[in-house]
Amino acid sequence: MKMSKAEVLKQANNTCKNTLMETLQIEVTDLGDDYLIAKMPVNSRVHQPDGVLHGGATVALAESVGSIASQIFTNLEAYFVRGIEISANHIKSVRSGHVHAKATFLHKGRTTQLLDIKVTDDDGHLISICKLSTITLPKNK
């Protein structure tokens, strides 16, 4: 039985409870056949000392949205997903509002996945470009 979009989003957000994603207040907001979108508030929790978004928080958002995207398309009863490499180029700083990360699949293989993740501000300005590689491995029974 295929879950509705609302059910998938609810389940994705429930998996964030008691994790770094909850600490950073990351919320999954939308999905499609080959993408997933999440947002994170920009406030003192994720600021550098000079009051702008910390690059590490941006990367945590990117890895979170990319990993969740890979999990959505994986049989999690038999497999688990792990990030194996992430890179980020920070283009613009932001002080407040939200940042939105859209993870889009460049490659959706059985074992490895490659995602392009664009992070934008509330006005759609590009903040960071990230690339994430994930791996899907069988669970040991």
C-alpha atoms as a PDB file:
ATOM      1  CA  MET A   1       0.000   0.000   0.000  1.00  0.00           C
ATOM      2  CA  LYS A   2       1.431   3.331  -1.049  1.00  0.00           C
ATOM      3  CA  MET A   3       1.362   6.114   1.538  1.00  0.00           C
ATOM      4  CA  SER A   4      -0.018   9.532   0.696  1.00  0.00           C
ATOM      5  CA  LYS A   5       2.311  12.521   0.449  1.00  0.00           C
ATOM      6  CA  ALA A   6       0.997  13.825   3.791  1.00  0.00           C
ATOM      7  CA  GLU A   7       1.669  10.450   5.451  1.00  0.00           C
ATOM      8  CA  VAL A   8       5.223  10.310   4.085  1.00  0.00           C
ATOM      9  CA  LEU A   9       5.928  13.856   5.308  1.00  0.00           C
ATOM     10  CA  LYS A  10       4.490  13.041   8.743  1.00  0.00           C
ATOM     11  CA  GLN A  11       6.570   9.868   8.990  1.00  0.00           C
ATOM     12  CA  ALA A  12       9.729  11.694   7.866  1.00  0.00           C
ATOM     13  CA  ASN A  13       9.202  14.389  10.501  1.00  0.00           C
ATOM     14  CA  ASN A  14       8.480  11.772  13.185  1.00  0.00           C
ATOM     15  CA  THR A  15      11.851  10.122  12.517  1.00  0.00           C
ATOM     16  CA  CYS A  16      13.511  13.436  13.434  1.00  0.00           C
ATOM     17  CA  LYS A  17      12.331  13.292  17.051  1.00  0.00           C
ATOM     18  CA  ASN A  18      15.140  13.118  19.639  1.00  0.00           C
ATOM     19  CA  THR A  19      17.836  13.708  17.004  1.00  0.00           C
ATOM     20  CA  LEU A  20      20.023  16.524  15.738  1.00  0.00           C
ATOM     21  CA  MET A  21      17.241  17.368  13.295  1.00  0.00           C
ATOM     22  CA  GLU A  22      14.884  18.129  16.182  1.00  0.00           C
ATOM     23  CA  THR A  23      17.588  20.173  17.939  1.00  0.00           C
ATOM     24  CA  LEU A  24      18.050  22.272  14.786  1.00  0.00           C
ATOM     25  CA  GLN A  25      14.253  22.413  14.279  1.00  0.00           C
ATOM     26  CA  ILE A  26      14.505  20.911  10.787  1.00  0.00           C
ATOM     27  CA  GLU A  27      11.097  20.207   9.243  1.00  0.00           C
ATOM     28  CA  VAL A  28      10.458  18.226   6.066  1.00  0.00           C
ATOM     29  CA  THR A  29       7.966  20.283   4.051  1.00  0.00           C
ATOM     30  CA  ASP A  30       7.544  18.808   0.559  1.00  0.00           C
ATOM     31  CA  LEU A  31       8.482  15.894  -1.678  1.00  0.00           C
ATOM     32  CA  GLY A  32       8.164  14.688  -5.229  1.00  0.00           C
ATOM     33  CA  ASP A  33       9.300  11.739  -7.339  1.00  0.00           C
ATOM     34  CA  ASP A  34      12.965  12.761  -7.218  1.00  0.00           C
ATOM     35  CA  TYR A  35      13.265  15.478  -4.561  1.00  0.00           C
ATOM     36  CA  LEU A  36      12.664  16.334  -0.910  1.00  0.00           C
ATOM     37  CA  ILE A  37      12.491  19.783   0.723  1.00  0.00           C
ATOM     38  CA  ALA A  38      13.126  20.705   4.353  1.00  0.00           C
ATOM     39  CA  LYS A  39      13.468  23.999   6.195  1.00  0.00           C
ATOM     40  CA  MET A  40      15.377  25.191   9.249  1.00  0.00           C
ATOM     41  CA  PRO A  41      14.969  28.423  11.206  1.00  0.00           C
ATOM     42  CA  VAL A  42      17.938  30.790  11.257  1.00  0.00           C
ATOM     43  CA  ASN A  43      18.336  32.078  14.801  1.00  0.00           C
ATOM     44  CA  SER A  44      20.902  32.130  17.613  1.00  0.00           C
ATOM     45  CA  ARG A  45      20.873  28.289  17.789  1.00  0.00           C
ATOM     46  CA  VAL A  46      22.549  28.079  14.376  1.00  0.00           C
ATOM     47  CA  HIS A  47      24.499  31.356  14.285  1.00  0.00           C
ATOM     48  CA  GLN A  48      28.226  31.876  14.203  1.00  0.00           C
ATOM     49  CA  PRO A  49      29.488  34.333  16.854  1.00  0.00           C
ATOM     50  CA  ASP A  50      28.995  37.249  14.413  1.00  0.00           C
ATOM     51  CA  GLY A  51      25.289  36.480  13.966  1.00  0.00           C
ATOM     52  CA  VAL A  52      25.148  34.714  10.588  1.00  0.00           C
ATOM     53  CA  LEU A  53      24.162  31.139   9.764  1.00  0.00           C
ATOM     54  CA  HIS A  54      26.930  28.685  10.663  1.00  0.00           C
ATOM     55  CA  GLY A  55      28.165  26.632   7.694  1.00  0.00           C
ATOM     56  CA  GLY A  56      28.115  23.490   9.840  1.00  0.00           C
ATOM     57  CA  ALA A  57      24.396  23.956  10.518  1.00  0.00           C
ATOM     58  CA  THR A  58      23.836  24.396   6.785  1.00  0.00           C
ATOM     59  CA  VAL A  59      25.701  21.150   6.099  1.00  0.00           C
ATOM     60  CA  ALA A  60      23.709  19.372   8.835  1.00  0.00           C
ATOM     61  CA  LEU A  61      20.495  20.519   7.119  1.00  0.00           C
ATOM     62  CA  ALA A  62      21.772  19.356   3.733  1.00  0.00           C
ATOM     63  CA  GLU A  63      22.879  15.941   4.984  1.00  0.00           C
ATOM     64  CA  SER A  64      19.600  15.509   6.861  1.00  0.00           C
ATOM     65  CA  VAL A  65      17.367  16.277   3.866  1.00  0.00           C
ATOM     66  CA  GLY A  66      19.504  14.172   1.520  1.00  0.00           C
ATOM     67  CA  SER A  67      19.621  11.190   3.879  1.00  0.00           C
ATOM     68  CA  ILE A  68      15.876  11.346   4.496  1.00  0.00           C
ATOM     69  CA  ALA A  69      15.298  11.471   0.721  1.00  0.00           C
ATOM     70  CA  SER A  70      17.404   8.327   0.284  1.00  0.00           C
ATOM     71  CA  GLN A  71      15.537   6.605   3.120  1.00  0.00           C
ATOM     72  CA  ILE A  72      12.126   7.383   1.627  1.00  0.00           C
ATOM     73  CA  PHE A  73      13.039   5.400  -1.477  1.00  0.00           C
ATOM     74  CA  THR A  74      14.573   2.459   0.446  1.00  0.00           C
ATOM     75  CA  ASN A  75      13.071  -0.633   2.075  1.00  0.00           C
ATOM     76  CA  LEU A  76      14.126   0.234   5.624  1.00  0.00           C
ATOM     77  CA  GLU A  77      13.081  -3.167   6.949  1.00  0.00           C
ATOM     78  CA  ALA A  78      15.922  -4.780   5.002  1.00  0.00           C
ATOM     79  CA  TYR A  79      18.392  -1.906   4.485  1.00  0.00           C
ATOM     80  CA  PHE A  80      19.838   1.153   6.180  1.00  0.00           C
ATOM     81  CA  VAL A  81      21.164   4.364   4.627  1.00  0.00           C
ATOM     82  CA  ARG A  82      24.306   6.254   5.614  1.00  0.00           C
ATOM     83  CA  GLY A  83      25.902   9.388   4.273  1.00  0.00           C
ATOM     84  CA  ILE A  84      29.401   8.647   2.969  1.00  0.00           C
ATOM     85  CA  GLU A  85      30.525  12.022   1.620  1.00  0.00           C
ATOM     86  CA  ILE A  86      29.264  15.579   1.649  1.00  0.00           C
ATOM     87  CA  SER A  87      30.671  18.775   0.185  1.00  0.00           C
ATOM     88  CA  ALA A  88      29.375  22.313   0.458  1.00  0.00           C
ATOM     89  CA  ASN A  89      30.040  25.646  -1.158  1.00  0.00           C
ATOM     90  CA  HIS A  90      28.661  28.576   0.839  1.00  0.00           C
ATOM     91  CA  ILE A  91      27.698  31.488  -1.386  1.00  0.00           C
ATOM     92  CA  LYS A  92      25.772  33.971   0.723  1.00  0.00           C
ATOM     93  CA  SER A  93      25.177  34.573   4.426  1.00  0.00           C
ATOM     94  CA  VAL A  94      21.826  34.864   6.153  1.00  0.00           C
ATOM     95  CA  ARG A  95      20.956  36.199   9.629  1.00  0.00           C
ATOM     96  CA  SER A  96      17.265  35.391  10.156  1.00  0.00           C
ATOM     97  CA  GLY A  97      14.193  33.736   8.721  1.00  0.00           C
ATOM     98  CA  HIS A  98      14.493  30.197   7.374  1.00  0.00           C
ATOM     99  CA  VAL A  99      16.731  28.325   5.006  1.00  0.00           C
ATOM    100  CA  HIS A 100      15.181  25.757   2.684  1.00  0.00           C
ATOM    101  CA  ALA A 101      17.091  22.742   1.390  1.00  0.00           C
ATOM    102  CA  LYS A 102      15.941  20.941  -1.750  1.00  0.00           C
ATOM    103  CA  ALA A 103      17.613  17.577  -2.300  1.00  0.00           C
ATOM    104  CA  THR A 104      17.335  16.291  -5.870  1.00  0.00           C
ATOM    105  CA  PHE A 105      18.622  12.927  -7.021  1.00  0.00           C
ATOM    106  CA  LEU A 106      21.389  12.959  -9.599  1.00  0.00           C
ATOM    107  CA  HIS A 107      21.769   9.175  -9.284  1.00  0.00           C
ATOM    108  CA  LYS A 108      19.391   6.779  -7.522  1.00  0.00           C
ATOM    109  CA  GLY A 109      21.164   3.405  -7.555  1.00  0.00           C
ATOM    110  CA  ARG A 110      20.469   0.306  -5.500  1.00  0.00           C
ATOM    111  CA  THR A 111      23.669   0.727  -3.489  1.00  0.00           C
ATOM    112  CA  THR A 112      24.748   4.361  -3.898  1.00  0.00           C
ATOM    113  CA  GLN A 113      22.822   7.560  -4.335  1.00  0.00           C
ATOM    114  CA  LEU A 114      24.051  11.020  -5.307  1.00  0.00           C
ATOM    115  CA  LEU A 115      22.055  14.100  -4.396  1.00  0.00           C
ATOM    116  CA  ASP A 116      22.355  17.757  -5.335  1.00  0.00           C
ATOM    117  CA  ILE A 117      21.152  19.977  -2.492  1.00  0.00           C
ATOM    118  CA  LYS A 118      20.429  23.657  -2.981  1.00  0.00           C
ATOM    119  CA  VAL A 119      19.960  25.757   0.165  1.00  0.00           C
ATOM    120  CA  THR A 120      18.047  29.013  -0.280  1.00  0.00           C
ATOM    121  CA  ASP A 121      16.687  31.750   1.984  1.00  0.00           C
ATOM    122  CA  ASP A 122      13.048  32.780   2.328  1.00  0.00           C
ATOM    123  CA  ASP A 123      13.389  35.007  -0.764  1.00  0.00           C
ATOM    124  CA  GLY A 124      14.813  32.195  -2.904  1.00  0.00           C
ATOM    125  CA  HIS A 125      18.395  33.504  -2.894  1.00  0.00           C
ATOM    126  CA  LEU A 126      20.992  30.753  -3.137  1.00  0.00           C
ATOM    127  CA  ILE A 127      22.868  30.340   0.167  1.00  0.00           C
ATOM    128  CA  SER A 128      24.791  27.078  -0.380  1.00  0.00           C
ATOM    129  CA  ILE A 129      25.224  24.286  -2.888  1.00  0.00           C
ATOM    130  CA  CYS A 130      25.879  20.835  -1.434  1.00  0.00           C
ATOM    131  CA  LYS A 131      26.496  17.391  -2.862  1.00  0.00           C
ATOM    132  CA  LEU A 132      25.797  14.265  -0.807  1.00  0.00           C
ATOM    133  CA  SER A 133      26.639  10.636  -1.506  1.00  0.00           C
ATOM    134  CA  THR A 134      24.735   7.992   0.443  1.00  0.00           C
ATOM    135  CA  ILE A 135      25.079   4.242   0.597  1.00  0.00           C
ATOM    136  CA  THR A 136      22.370   1.636   1.140  1.00  0.00           C
ATOM    137  CA  LEU A 137      23.535  -1.478   2.959  1.00  0.00           C
ATOM    138  CA  PRO A 138      21.692  -4.620   4.077  1.00  0.00           C
ATOM    139  CA  LYS A 139      20.818  -4.933   7.746  1.00  0.00           C
ATOM    140  CA  ASN A 140      22.383  -7.885   9.503  1.00  0.00           C
ATOM    141  CA  LYS A 141      19.662 -10.203  10.698  1.00  0.00           C
END
